Amino acid sequence: MRRRRLLVAGLGAAILGTGMASAPAAEEFSTEGLVSLESAGDGATLLVTGWLSREKFEVKEVRIAGSRLAGRSNDPDQFRVTLIDIAGREFGMVKMWSPLLSLQWDAEGQKESAQGFNDRVVEIQIPVSWTLNEVVLSWPEGKYEVGRVSVRAEIERFCKEMPDNPACRSAGRSKG
């Protein structure tokens, strides 16, 4: 009896495996129920793209994704983004992995390796709030800034388009 159950279970797994292999092609994939990152409505993430080296950051593009992609975690303190409010005060800091570090897995997915760069184009993800005015990018050692990016205009544009997004609310500001 036990052998028969194992045989039936094995046959069922084989049938499921065959069904998985013949899954629909990408053009047949249904996007029903998926939400665009531009309109998820669960917070917002500032995406700052630019050329980063140990000495400086040259901004190329600043945009906001209408979804919470970035957040605070226990990431190492290899790179810092200081959040500056409208009054010019520091109100937060995001610590993260170095954007000049690239982590890669081997073809078998067994061993991870890290490659460091002297400079490269990076995209830095930063949580957005209505009070954010600018961000200061820096390395933890030496405590000097490598870049300062004004983000106020982009936040105001985003919040005008999506006033109901939680990132566009503050204690003294209504939803509209």
N, C-alpha and C. Protein backbone atom coordinates (compact mmCIF):
# COMPACT_ATOMS: atom_id res chain seq x y z
N MET A 1 0.82 -1.19 0.00
CA MET A 1 0.00 0.00 0.00
C MET A 1 0.87 1.26 0.00
N ARG A 2 1.90 1.25 0.83
CA ARG A 2 2.79 2.40 0.92
C ARG A 2 3.49 2.63 -0.42
N ARG A 3 3.91 1.55 -1.06
CA ARG A 3 4.58 1.63 -2.34
C ARG A 3 3.65 2.24 -3.40
N ARG A 4 2.37 1.87 -3.34
CA ARG A 4 1.40 2.37 -4.30
C ARG A 4 1.20 3.89 -4.13
N ARG A 5 1.13 4.35 -2.88
CA ARG A 5 0.98 5.79 -2.62
C ARG A 5 2.19 6.56 -3.14
N LEU A 6 3.40 6.02 -2.92
CA LEU A 6 4.60 6.68 -3.43
C LEU A 6 4.58 6.75 -4.96
N LEU A 7 4.13 5.68 -5.59
CA LEU A 7 4.05 5.65 -7.04
C LEU A 7 3.06 6.69 -7.56
N VAL A 8 1.90 6.80 -6.92
CA VAL A 8 0.89 7.78 -7.31
C VAL A 8 1.42 9.20 -7.08
N ALA A 9 2.08 9.41 -5.95
CA ALA A 9 2.66 10.74 -5.67
C ALA A 9 3.71 11.08 -6.69
N GLY A 10 4.56 10.15 -7.04
CA GLY A 10 5.59 10.38 -8.06
C GLY A 10 4.99 10.69 -9.41
N LEU A 11 3.93 9.97 -9.78
CA LEU A 11 3.26 10.21 -11.05
C LEU A 11 2.62 11.60 -11.06
N GLY A 12 2.01 11.99 -9.96
CA GLY A 12 1.41 13.32 -9.86
C GLY A 12 2.46 14.41 -10.00
N ALA A 13 3.62 14.24 -9.37
CA ALA A 13 4.70 15.23 -9.47
C ALA A 13 5.20 15.32 -10.90
N ALA A 14 5.29 14.19 -11.59
CA ALA A 14 5.74 14.19 -12.98
C ALA A 14 4.76 14.94 -13.87
N ILE A 15 3.47 14.73 -13.64
CA ILE A 15 2.46 15.43 -14.44
C ILE A 15 2.53 16.93 -14.18
N LEU A 16 2.67 17.32 -12.91
CA LEU A 16 2.80 18.75 -12.58
C LEU A 16 4.04 19.34 -13.21
N GLY A 17 5.14 18.61 -13.17
CA GLY A 17 6.39 19.09 -13.77
C GLY A 17 6.22 19.30 -15.26
N THR A 18 5.51 18.42 -15.95
CA THR A 18 5.26 18.57 -17.37
C THR A 18 4.41 19.80 -17.64
N GLY A 19 3.42 20.01 -16.81
CA GLY A 19 2.56 21.19 -16.95
C GLY A 19 3.34 22.47 -16.75
N MET A 20 4.29 22.49 -15.81
CA MET A 20 5.10 23.66 -15.56
C MET A 20 6.00 23.95 -16.75
N ALA A 21 6.53 22.91 -17.37
CA ALA A 21 7.44 23.10 -18.50
C ALA A 21 6.71 23.69 -19.69
N SER A 22 5.41 23.44 -19.79
CA SER A 22 4.66 23.97 -20.92
C SER A 22 3.84 25.19 -20.52
N ALA A 23 4.36 25.98 -19.57
CA ALA A 23 3.68 27.19 -19.14
C ALA A 23 3.61 28.17 -20.30
N PRO A 24 2.66 29.11 -20.29
CA PRO A 24 2.50 30.03 -21.40
C PRO A 24 3.74 30.88 -21.63
N ALA A 25 3.97 31.23 -22.87
CA ALA A 25 5.10 32.09 -23.23
C ALA A 25 4.86 33.48 -22.65
N ALA A 26 5.92 34.30 -22.65
CA ALA A 26 5.84 35.63 -22.04
C ALA A 26 4.70 36.47 -22.62
N GLU A 27 4.47 36.36 -23.93
CA GLU A 27 3.41 37.17 -24.52
C GLU A 27 2.02 36.71 -24.10
N GLU A 28 1.90 35.50 -23.58
CA GLU A 28 0.62 34.98 -23.12
C GLU A 28 0.42 35.21 -21.62
N PHE A 29 1.41 35.74 -20.94
CA PHE A 29 1.37 35.91 -19.50
C PHE A 29 0.34 36.98 -19.13
N SER A 30 -0.53 36.66 -18.21
CA SER A 30 -1.55 37.60 -17.78
C SER A 30 -1.00 38.55 -16.73
N THR A 31 -1.26 39.83 -16.88
CA THR A 31 -0.83 40.81 -15.89
C THR A 31 -1.97 41.19 -14.96
N GLU A 32 -3.08 40.49 -15.05
CA GLU A 32 -4.23 40.77 -14.21
C GLU A 32 -3.85 40.63 -12.74
N GLY A 33 -4.17 41.63 -11.96
CA GLY A 33 -3.88 41.59 -10.53
C GLY A 33 -2.53 42.19 -10.18
N LEU A 34 -1.69 42.49 -11.16
CA LEU A 34 -0.40 43.10 -10.89
C LEU A 34 -0.56 44.61 -10.89
N VAL A 35 0.25 45.28 -10.09
CA VAL A 35 0.16 46.72 -9.97
C VAL A 35 1.46 47.33 -10.47
N SER A 36 1.37 48.37 -11.27
CA SER A 36 2.55 49.07 -11.77
C SER A 36 3.31 49.70 -10.62
N LEU A 37 4.62 49.71 -10.71
CA LEU A 37 5.42 50.38 -9.69
C LEU A 37 5.13 51.87 -9.65
N GLU A 38 4.65 52.41 -10.75
CA GLU A 38 4.36 53.84 -10.81
C GLU A 38 3.09 54.21 -10.05
N SER A 39 2.25 53.23 -9.69
CA SER A 39 0.98 53.58 -9.07
C SER A 39 0.56 52.63 -7.95
N ALA A 40 1.51 51.99 -7.30
CA ALA A 40 1.15 51.02 -6.28
C ALA A 40 0.47 51.66 -5.07
N GLY A 41 0.75 52.94 -4.80
CA GLY A 41 0.06 53.63 -3.73
C GLY A 41 0.48 53.25 -2.33
N ASP A 42 1.56 52.49 -2.18
CA ASP A 42 2.02 52.06 -0.86
C ASP A 42 3.33 52.75 -0.54
N GLY A 43 3.31 54.06 -0.47
CA GLY A 43 4.53 54.80 -0.25
C GLY A 43 5.20 55.13 -1.57
N ALA A 44 6.42 55.62 -1.50
CA ALA A 44 7.14 56.00 -2.71
C ALA A 44 8.64 55.84 -2.47
N THR A 45 9.37 55.66 -3.57
CA THR A 45 10.81 55.51 -3.51
C THR A 45 11.46 56.47 -4.50
N LEU A 46 12.40 57.23 -4.02
CA LEU A 46 13.18 58.12 -4.85
C LEU A 46 14.28 57.30 -5.51
N LEU A 47 14.39 57.40 -6.83
CA LEU A 47 15.44 56.69 -7.57
C LEU A 47 16.39 57.74 -8.12
N VAL A 48 17.59 57.79 -7.55
CA VAL A 48 18.60 58.75 -7.97
C VAL A 48 19.65 57.99 -8.77
N THR A 49 19.78 58.33 -10.05
CA THR A 49 20.73 57.66 -10.93
C THR A 49 21.86 58.63 -11.26
N GLY A 50 23.08 58.12 -11.27
CA GLY A 50 24.21 58.98 -11.61
C GLY A 50 25.53 58.23 -11.59
N TRP A 51 26.59 58.96 -11.87
CA TRP A 51 27.94 58.42 -11.90
C TRP A 51 28.56 58.61 -10.52
N LEU A 52 28.93 57.49 -9.87
CA LEU A 52 29.47 57.53 -8.51
C LEU A 52 30.90 57.05 -8.50
N SER A 53 31.76 57.78 -7.78
CA SER A 53 33.13 57.34 -7.49
C SER A 53 33.35 57.55 -6.00
N ARG A 54 34.53 57.26 -5.52
CA ARG A 54 34.83 57.50 -4.10
C ARG A 54 34.88 58.99 -3.79
N GLU A 55 35.09 59.82 -4.81
CA GLU A 55 35.26 61.26 -4.60
C GLU A 55 34.01 62.09 -4.88
N LYS A 56 33.15 61.64 -5.83
CA LYS A 56 32.01 62.48 -6.18
C LYS A 56 30.86 61.68 -6.80
N PHE A 57 29.71 62.35 -6.86
CA PHE A 57 28.52 61.80 -7.49
C PHE A 57 27.99 62.84 -8.47
N GLU A 58 27.79 62.43 -9.73
CA GLU A 58 27.23 63.31 -10.74
C GLU A 58 25.85 62.79 -11.10
N VAL A 59 24.82 63.54 -10.74
CA VAL A 59 23.44 63.09 -10.95
C VAL A 59 23.09 63.11 -12.44
N LYS A 60 22.42 62.06 -12.88
CA LYS A 60 21.95 61.94 -14.26
C LYS A 60 20.43 62.06 -14.32
N GLU A 61 19.74 61.43 -13.34
CA GLU A 61 18.28 61.42 -13.35
C GLU A 61 17.75 61.26 -11.93
N VAL A 62 16.65 61.94 -11.66
CA VAL A 62 15.94 61.79 -10.39
C VAL A 62 14.48 61.52 -10.74
N ARG A 63 13.94 60.41 -10.24
CA ARG A 63 12.53 60.12 -10.46
C ARG A 63 11.98 59.40 -9.23
N ILE A 64 10.67 59.32 -9.17
CA ILE A 64 10.02 58.66 -8.04
C ILE A 64 9.16 57.53 -8.56
N ALA A 65 9.28 56.37 -7.93
CA ALA A 65 8.41 55.24 -8.20
C ALA A 65 7.34 55.24 -7.13
N GLY A 66 6.09 55.10 -7.54
CA GLY A 66 4.96 55.15 -6.61
C GLY A 66 4.78 53.85 -5.86
N SER A 67 5.85 53.32 -5.31
CA SER A 67 5.81 52.09 -4.55
C SER A 67 6.96 52.11 -3.57
N ARG A 68 6.76 51.47 -2.44
CA ARG A 68 7.82 51.44 -1.44
C ARG A 68 8.82 50.34 -1.81
N LEU A 69 9.91 50.71 -2.48
CA LEU A 69 10.95 49.76 -2.85
C LEU A 69 12.07 49.77 -1.82
N ALA A 70 12.36 50.93 -1.31
CA ALA A 70 13.47 51.08 -0.37
C ALA A 70 12.93 51.16 1.05
N GLY A 71 13.76 50.86 1.99
CA GLY A 71 13.36 50.95 3.38
C GLY A 71 14.55 50.74 4.29
N ARG A 72 14.32 50.88 5.53
CA ARG A 72 15.39 50.70 6.51
C ARG A 72 15.54 49.22 6.83
N SER A 73 16.76 48.77 6.92
CA SER A 73 17.02 47.37 7.26
C SER A 73 18.36 47.28 7.97
N ASN A 74 18.83 46.08 8.18
CA ASN A 74 20.10 45.87 8.84
C ASN A 74 21.26 45.80 7.85
N ASP A 75 21.15 46.51 6.74
CA ASP A 75 22.23 46.52 5.77
C ASP A 75 23.48 47.13 6.39
N PRO A 76 24.64 46.78 5.88
CA PRO A 76 25.87 47.33 6.45
C PRO A 76 26.00 48.83 6.17
N ASP A 77 26.84 49.45 6.92
CA ASP A 77 27.06 50.89 6.80
C ASP A 77 28.22 51.13 5.83
N GLN A 78 28.01 50.82 4.54
CA GLN A 78 29.05 51.04 3.54
C GLN A 78 28.83 52.32 2.75
N PHE A 79 27.59 52.80 2.71
CA PHE A 79 27.26 54.04 2.00
C PHE A 79 26.07 54.66 2.72
N ARG A 80 26.03 55.97 2.76
CA ARG A 80 24.99 56.66 3.52
C ARG A 80 24.25 57.68 2.67
N VAL A 81 22.96 57.80 2.95
CA VAL A 81 22.14 58.85 2.36
C VAL A 81 21.50 59.59 3.53
N THR A 82 21.87 60.85 3.70
CA THR A 82 21.30 61.68 4.77
C THR A 82 20.11 62.42 4.18
N LEU A 83 18.99 62.38 4.89
CA LEU A 83 17.75 63.01 4.45
C LEU A 83 17.63 64.39 5.10
N ILE A 84 17.44 65.41 4.26
CA ILE A 84 17.35 66.80 4.72
C ILE A 84 15.94 67.31 4.45
N ASP A 85 15.31 67.93 5.46
CA ASP A 85 13.94 68.42 5.28
C ASP A 85 13.91 69.82 4.68
N ILE A 86 12.71 70.36 4.54
CA ILE A 86 12.50 71.66 3.91
C ILE A 86 13.19 72.79 4.70
N ALA A 87 13.29 72.64 6.01
CA ALA A 87 13.93 73.65 6.85
C ALA A 87 15.45 73.51 6.88
N GLY A 88 15.99 72.52 6.17
CA GLY A 88 17.44 72.32 6.14
C GLY A 88 17.98 71.45 7.26
N ARG A 89 17.08 70.79 7.99
CA ARG A 89 17.50 69.94 9.11
C ARG A 89 17.60 68.48 8.67
N GLU A 90 18.56 67.77 9.25
CA GLU A 90 18.68 66.33 9.02
C GLU A 90 17.57 65.63 9.78
N PHE A 91 16.78 64.77 9.08
CA PHE A 91 15.72 64.06 9.78
C PHE A 91 15.82 62.55 9.62
N GLY A 92 16.85 62.08 8.99
CA GLY A 92 17.02 60.64 8.86
C GLY A 92 18.27 60.29 8.08
N MET A 93 18.64 59.02 8.18
CA MET A 93 19.79 58.52 7.43
C MET A 93 19.48 57.09 7.00
N VAL A 94 19.80 56.78 5.75
CA VAL A 94 19.65 55.43 5.23
C VAL A 94 21.05 54.88 5.01
N LYS A 95 21.35 53.74 5.64
CA LYS A 95 22.64 53.08 5.48
C LYS A 95 22.44 51.88 4.57
N MET A 96 23.39 51.65 3.68
CA MET A 96 23.21 50.59 2.70
C MET A 96 24.54 50.00 2.26
N TRP A 97 24.45 48.96 1.42
CA TRP A 97 25.63 48.39 0.79
C TRP A 97 26.23 49.44 -0.14
N SER A 98 27.51 49.34 -0.40
CA SER A 98 28.17 50.25 -1.33
C SER A 98 27.60 50.05 -2.74
N PRO A 99 27.16 51.12 -3.39
CA PRO A 99 26.69 51.00 -4.77
C PRO A 99 27.83 50.63 -5.74
N LEU A 100 29.08 50.75 -5.30
CA LEU A 100 30.22 50.39 -6.14
C LEU A 100 30.57 48.91 -6.01
N LEU A 101 29.77 48.17 -5.27
CA LEU A 101 29.98 46.74 -5.07
C LEU A 101 28.92 45.97 -5.85
N SER A 102 29.33 44.96 -6.59
CA SER A 102 28.41 44.12 -7.34
C SER A 102 28.54 42.69 -6.84
N LEU A 103 27.44 42.13 -6.32
CA LEU A 103 27.43 40.75 -5.84
C LEU A 103 26.89 39.86 -6.96
N GLN A 104 27.59 38.76 -7.23
CA GLN A 104 27.21 37.86 -8.31
C GLN A 104 27.31 36.42 -7.85
N TRP A 105 26.43 35.57 -8.39
CA TRP A 105 26.46 34.14 -8.12
C TRP A 105 27.06 33.43 -9.32
N ASP A 106 27.73 32.29 -9.07
CA ASP A 106 28.26 31.50 -10.17
C ASP A 106 27.11 30.83 -10.92
N ALA A 107 27.42 30.19 -12.06
CA ALA A 107 26.39 29.60 -12.92
C ALA A 107 25.55 28.55 -12.20
N GLU A 108 26.13 27.85 -11.26
CA GLU A 108 25.40 26.81 -10.52
C GLU A 108 24.62 27.38 -9.34
N GLY A 109 24.82 28.64 -9.03
CA GLY A 109 24.13 29.26 -7.91
C GLY A 109 24.64 28.79 -6.56
N GLN A 110 25.87 28.33 -6.50
CA GLN A 110 26.43 27.79 -5.27
C GLN A 110 27.35 28.76 -4.55
N LYS A 111 28.07 29.61 -5.30
CA LYS A 111 29.08 30.46 -4.69
C LYS A 111 28.87 31.91 -5.11
N GLU A 112 28.91 32.79 -4.12
CA GLU A 112 28.74 34.21 -4.37
C GLU A 112 30.11 34.89 -4.39
N SER A 113 30.24 35.86 -5.27
CA SER A 113 31.49 36.64 -5.31
C SER A 113 31.13 38.12 -5.39
N ALA A 114 32.06 38.94 -4.98
CA ALA A 114 31.84 40.39 -5.01
C ALA A 114 32.90 41.04 -5.89
N GLN A 115 32.44 42.01 -6.67
CA GLN A 115 33.35 42.76 -7.51
C GLN A 115 33.19 44.23 -7.17
N GLY A 116 34.30 44.87 -6.87
CA GLY A 116 34.28 46.29 -6.55
C GLY A 116 34.67 47.11 -7.76
N PHE A 117 34.11 48.31 -7.87
CA PHE A 117 34.40 49.22 -8.96
C PHE A 117 34.96 50.51 -8.39
N ASN A 118 35.81 51.19 -9.15
CA ASN A 118 36.30 52.51 -8.75
C ASN A 118 35.23 53.56 -8.99
N ASP A 119 34.47 53.39 -10.06
CA ASP A 119 33.36 54.28 -10.38
C ASP A 119 32.43 53.56 -11.36
N ARG A 120 31.19 53.97 -11.36
CA ARG A 120 30.21 53.41 -12.28
C ARG A 120 28.88 54.13 -12.13
N VAL A 121 27.97 53.89 -13.09
CA VAL A 121 26.62 54.44 -13.02
C VAL A 121 25.84 53.58 -12.03
N VAL A 122 25.17 54.23 -11.09
CA VAL A 122 24.41 53.52 -10.05
C VAL A 122 23.00 54.10 -9.95
N GLU A 123 22.10 53.32 -9.37
CA GLU A 123 20.77 53.80 -9.02
C GLU A 123 20.60 53.59 -7.53
N ILE A 124 20.39 54.67 -6.82
CA ILE A 124 20.26 54.63 -5.36
C ILE A 124 18.79 54.80 -5.00
N GLN A 125 18.27 53.87 -4.20
CA GLN A 125 16.85 53.88 -3.82
C GLN A 125 16.70 54.44 -2.41
N ILE A 126 15.83 55.45 -2.29
CA ILE A 126 15.67 56.17 -1.04
C ILE A 126 14.18 56.32 -0.72
N PRO A 127 13.75 55.99 0.52
CA PRO A 127 12.34 56.19 0.88
C PRO A 127 11.96 57.67 0.80
N VAL A 128 10.76 57.94 0.32
CA VAL A 128 10.30 59.32 0.13
C VAL A 128 9.29 59.70 1.20
N SER A 129 9.36 60.95 1.64
CA SER A 129 8.31 61.54 2.48
C SER A 129 8.09 62.96 1.98
N TRP A 130 6.93 63.52 2.31
CA TRP A 130 6.57 64.85 1.84
C TRP A 130 7.58 65.90 2.30
N THR A 131 8.19 65.73 3.46
CA THR A 131 9.10 66.74 4.00
C THR A 131 10.51 66.69 3.40
N LEU A 132 10.82 65.69 2.59
CA LEU A 132 12.16 65.55 2.02
C LEU A 132 12.44 66.67 1.03
N ASN A 133 13.58 67.34 1.20
CA ASN A 133 13.98 68.44 0.32
C ASN A 133 15.22 68.09 -0.50
N GLU A 134 16.19 67.47 0.16
CA GLU A 134 17.41 67.07 -0.54
C GLU A 134 18.04 65.88 0.16
N VAL A 135 18.92 65.20 -0.58
CA VAL A 135 19.65 64.06 -0.02
C VAL A 135 21.13 64.33 -0.16
N VAL A 136 21.88 63.89 0.85
CA VAL A 136 23.33 64.04 0.85
C VAL A 136 23.92 62.64 0.82
N LEU A 137 24.75 62.37 -0.19
CA LEU A 137 25.36 61.06 -0.36
C LEU A 137 26.78 61.10 0.19
N SER A 138 27.16 60.06 0.96
CA SER A 138 28.49 60.05 1.56
C SER A 138 28.94 58.63 1.87
N TRP A 139 30.24 58.50 2.04
CA TRP A 139 30.83 57.26 2.54
C TRP A 139 30.95 57.40 4.04
N PRO A 140 30.84 56.32 4.81
CA PRO A 140 30.88 56.45 6.27
C PRO A 140 32.23 56.91 6.80
N GLU A 141 33.30 56.47 6.17
CA GLU A 141 34.62 56.89 6.63
C GLU A 141 34.96 58.26 6.05
N GLY A 142 35.61 59.09 6.82
CA GLY A 142 35.98 60.42 6.37
C GLY A 142 34.88 61.45 6.56
N LYS A 143 33.63 61.03 6.61
CA LYS A 143 32.48 61.89 6.86
C LYS A 143 32.40 63.11 5.94
N TYR A 144 32.74 62.93 4.67
CA TYR A 144 32.57 64.01 3.72
C TYR A 144 31.55 63.60 2.67
N GLU A 145 30.83 64.57 2.16
CA GLU A 145 29.81 64.25 1.18
C GLU A 145 30.41 64.15 -0.21
N VAL A 146 29.86 63.23 -1.00
CA VAL A 146 30.30 63.07 -2.39
C VAL A 146 29.26 63.66 -3.34
N GLY A 147 28.08 63.95 -2.82
CA GLY A 147 27.04 64.54 -3.65
C GLY A 147 25.87 65.02 -2.83
N ARG A 148 25.21 66.02 -3.37
CA ARG A 148 24.01 66.58 -2.74
C ARG A 148 23.01 66.79 -3.86
N VAL A 149 21.81 66.22 -3.69
CA VAL A 149 20.82 66.27 -4.76
C VAL A 149 19.53 66.89 -4.23
N SER A 150 19.08 67.97 -4.87
CA SER A 150 17.82 68.59 -4.52
C SER A 150 16.71 67.78 -5.17
N VAL A 151 15.74 67.34 -4.37
CA VAL A 151 14.67 66.47 -4.86
C VAL A 151 13.28 67.08 -4.68
N ARG A 152 13.21 68.30 -4.18
CA ARG A 152 11.92 68.92 -3.85
C ARG A 152 10.98 69.01 -5.05
N ALA A 153 11.48 69.47 -6.18
CA ALA A 153 10.62 69.64 -7.37
C ALA A 153 10.03 68.31 -7.80
N GLU A 154 10.82 67.24 -7.75
CA GLU A 154 10.34 65.93 -8.16
C GLU A 154 9.27 65.41 -7.18
N ILE A 155 9.45 65.66 -5.89
CA ILE A 155 8.45 65.23 -4.89
C ILE A 155 7.15 66.01 -5.08
N GLU A 156 7.24 67.31 -5.31
CA GLU A 156 6.04 68.11 -5.53
C GLU A 156 5.29 67.66 -6.79
N ARG A 157 6.03 67.36 -7.87
CA ARG A 157 5.41 66.88 -9.11
C ARG A 157 4.70 65.55 -8.85
N PHE A 158 5.40 64.63 -8.18
CA PHE A 158 4.82 63.32 -7.89
C PHE A 158 3.56 63.45 -7.05
N CYS A 159 3.62 64.27 -6.00
CA CYS A 159 2.48 64.41 -5.09
C CYS A 159 1.31 65.15 -5.75
N LYS A 160 1.59 65.98 -6.73
CA LYS A 160 0.50 66.62 -7.48
C LYS A 160 -0.23 65.57 -8.32
N GLU A 161 0.53 64.63 -8.90
CA GLU A 161 -0.05 63.57 -9.72
C GLU A 161 -0.72 62.48 -8.89
N MET A 162 -0.17 62.19 -7.69
CA MET A 162 -0.68 61.11 -6.84
C MET A 162 -0.87 61.59 -5.40
N PRO A 163 -1.81 62.49 -5.18
CA PRO A 163 -1.96 63.07 -3.84
C PRO A 163 -2.38 62.07 -2.76
N ASP A 164 -2.96 60.93 -3.15
CA ASP A 164 -3.40 59.95 -2.16
C ASP A 164 -2.29 59.00 -1.72
N ASN A 165 -1.12 59.08 -2.34
CA ASN A 165 -0.01 58.22 -1.95
C ASN A 165 0.41 58.59 -0.53
N PRO A 166 0.62 57.61 0.35
CA PRO A 166 1.01 57.90 1.75
C PRO A 166 2.27 58.77 1.88
N ALA A 167 3.17 58.71 0.91
CA ALA A 167 4.39 59.51 0.98
C ALA A 167 4.09 61.00 0.82
N CYS A 168 2.92 61.33 0.33
CA CYS A 168 2.56 62.73 0.09
C CYS A 168 1.80 63.34 1.25
N ARG A 169 1.71 62.65 2.34
CA ARG A 169 0.97 63.16 3.50
C ARG A 169 1.95 63.55 4.61
N SER A 170 1.56 64.57 5.34
CA SER A 170 2.29 64.94 6.55
C SER A 170 1.28 65.38 7.57
N ALA A 171 1.73 65.58 8.78
CA ALA A 171 0.81 65.91 9.88
C ALA A 171 0.02 67.18 9.57
N GLY A 172 0.67 68.17 9.00
CA GLY A 172 -0.02 69.45 8.77
C GLY A 172 -0.54 69.61 7.36
N ARG A 173 -0.53 68.58 6.54
CA ARG A 173 -0.92 68.69 5.14
C ARG A 173 -2.06 67.72 4.84
N SER A 174 -3.06 68.20 4.18
CA SER A 174 -4.17 67.32 3.83
C SER A 174 -3.81 66.49 2.62
N LYS A 175 -4.66 65.51 2.29
CA LYS A 175 -4.41 64.59 1.19
C LYS A 175 -4.40 65.31 -0.16
N GLY A 176 -5.07 66.37 -0.36
CA GLY A 176 -5.19 67.03 -1.66
C GLY A 176 -4.28 68.14 -1.78
